[in-house]
Amino acid sequence: MVKKIALEEHFLCPDFNEYWNPTTVDLPVARRDNALARLSDFDELRLAAMDEAGIARAVLGLGSRRASRA
């Protein structure tokens, strides 16, 4: 059986919350809260999603892009 590896799974460190918050101002509150919960979780939610998708390993990558406002 081939084991799946997920590349560039994003996460959010608590120290980056203030940086990340302005990038989500256009999201509905429920969607923003769900994204924050999933990005900042390293245990239950992430591992359950990996198990469901058959992923054995994940490479985490911290990345964010602040939307430009014209």
C-alpha atoms as a PDB file:
ATOM      1  CA  MET A   1       0.000   0.000   0.000  1.00  0.00           C
ATOM      2  CA  VAL A   2       1.286   3.464  -0.918  1.00  0.00           C
ATOM      3  CA  LYS A   3       1.287   5.944   1.923  1.00  0.00           C
ATOM      4  CA  LYS A   4       0.168   9.475   1.095  1.00  0.00           C
ATOM      5  CA  ILE A   5       2.208  12.526   2.047  1.00  0.00           C
ATOM      6  CA  ALA A   6       0.539  15.938   2.104  1.00  0.00           C
ATOM      7  CA  LEU A   7       2.889  18.739   1.055  1.00  0.00           C
ATOM      8  CA  GLU A   8       2.583  22.347   2.191  1.00  0.00           C
ATOM      9  CA  GLU A   9      -0.240  21.920   4.656  1.00  0.00           C
ATOM     10  CA  HIS A  10      -0.587  25.360   6.197  1.00  0.00           C
ATOM     11  CA  PHE A  11      -0.761  26.212   9.874  1.00  0.00           C
ATOM     12  CA  LEU A  12      -0.877  29.298  12.049  1.00  0.00           C
ATOM     13  CA  CYS A  13       1.326  29.975  15.065  1.00  0.00           C
ATOM     14  CA  PRO A  14      -0.342  31.963  17.857  1.00  0.00           C
ATOM     15  CA  ASP A  15       2.264  34.733  17.403  1.00  0.00           C
ATOM     16  CA  PHE A  16       0.988  35.294  13.847  1.00  0.00           C
ATOM     17  CA  ASN A  17      -2.696  35.857  14.726  1.00  0.00           C
ATOM     18  CA  GLU A  18      -2.417  39.655  14.598  1.00  0.00           C
ATOM     19  CA  TYR A  19      -0.718  39.439  11.193  1.00  0.00           C
ATOM     20  CA  TRP A  20      -3.311  36.961   9.879  1.00  0.00           C
ATOM     21  CA  ASN A  21      -6.455  38.723  11.148  1.00  0.00           C
ATOM     22  CA  PRO A  22      -6.445  41.572   8.552  1.00  0.00           C
ATOM     23  CA  THR A  23      -6.328  39.007   5.730  1.00  0.00           C
ATOM     24  CA  THR A  24      -9.707  37.620   6.780  1.00  0.00           C
ATOM     25  CA  VAL A  25     -11.802  40.761   7.202  1.00  0.00           C
ATOM     26  CA  ASP A  26     -13.972  39.876   4.184  1.00  0.00           C
ATOM     27  CA  LEU A  27     -14.816  36.366   5.411  1.00  0.00           C
ATOM     28  CA  PRO A  28     -18.066  35.593   7.226  1.00  0.00           C
ATOM     29  CA  VAL A  29     -17.387  35.138  10.945  1.00  0.00           C
ATOM     30  CA  ALA A  30     -18.262  31.413  10.968  1.00  0.00           C
ATOM     31  CA  ARG A  31     -15.905  30.712   8.062  1.00  0.00           C
ATOM     32  CA  ARG A  32     -13.117  32.761   9.655  1.00  0.00           C
ATOM     33  CA  ASP A  33     -13.531  30.954  12.998  1.00  0.00           C
ATOM     34  CA  ASN A  34     -13.474  27.568  11.250  1.00  0.00           C
ATOM     35  CA  ALA A  35     -10.304  28.473   9.336  1.00  0.00           C
ATOM     36  CA  LEU A  36      -8.623  29.744  12.502  1.00  0.00           C
ATOM     37  CA  ALA A  37      -9.549  26.563  14.388  1.00  0.00           C
ATOM     38  CA  ARG A  38      -8.170  24.324  11.633  1.00  0.00           C
ATOM     39  CA  LEU A  39      -5.011  26.337  10.982  1.00  0.00           C
ATOM     40  CA  SER A  40      -4.062  26.542  14.654  1.00  0.00           C
ATOM     41  CA  ASP A  41      -4.823  22.869  15.434  1.00  0.00           C
ATOM     42  CA  PHE A  42      -1.983  20.340  15.477  1.00  0.00           C
ATOM     43  CA  ASP A  43      -3.823  17.452  17.069  1.00  0.00           C
ATOM     44  CA  GLU A  44      -7.459  16.354  16.891  1.00  0.00           C
ATOM     45  CA  LEU A  45      -8.812  18.189  13.830  1.00  0.00           C
ATOM     46  CA  ARG A  46      -5.685  17.878  11.705  1.00  0.00           C
ATOM     47  CA  LEU A  47      -5.033  14.229  12.555  1.00  0.00           C
ATOM     48  CA  ALA A  48      -8.682  13.261  12.006  1.00  0.00           C
ATOM     49  CA  ALA A  49      -8.653  14.947   8.573  1.00  0.00           C
ATOM     50  CA  MET A  50      -5.396  13.185   7.697  1.00  0.00           C
ATOM     51  CA  ASP A  51      -6.811   9.809   8.747  1.00  0.00           C
ATOM     52  CA  GLU A  52      -9.970  10.384   6.710  1.00  0.00           C
ATOM     53  CA  ALA A  53      -7.901  11.203   3.613  1.00  0.00           C
ATOM     54  CA  GLY A  54      -5.443   8.341   4.153  1.00  0.00           C
ATOM     55  CA  ILE A  55      -2.504  10.686   4.716  1.00  0.00           C
ATOM     56  CA  ALA A  56       0.409   9.209   6.654  1.00  0.00           C
ATOM     57  CA  ARG A  57       2.606  12.332   6.837  1.00  0.00           C
ATOM     58  CA  ALA A  58       2.166  16.077   6.340  1.00  0.00           C
ATOM     59  CA  VAL A  59       4.779  18.708   5.614  1.00  0.00           C
ATOM     60  CA  LEU A  60       3.664  21.911   7.275  1.00  0.00           C
ATOM     61  CA  GLY A  61       4.452  25.285   5.733  1.00  0.00           C
ATOM     62  CA  LEU A  62       3.819  28.689   7.261  1.00  0.00           C
ATOM     63  CA  GLY A  63       2.696  31.131   4.618  1.00  0.00           C
ATOM     64  CA  SER A  64       0.506  34.140   4.395  1.00  0.00           C
ATOM     65  CA  ARG A  65      -0.151  36.882   1.944  1.00  0.00           C
ATOM     66  CA  ARG A  66      -1.669  40.148   3.002  1.00  0.00           C
ATOM     67  CA  ALA A  67      -4.235  41.283   0.476  1.00  0.00           C
ATOM     68  CA  SER A  68      -3.452  44.620  -1.049  1.00  0.00           C
ATOM     69  CA  ARG A  69      -6.149  47.247  -0.774  1.00  0.00           C
ATOM     70  CA  ALA A  70      -6.374  49.613  -3.689  1.00  0.00           C
END
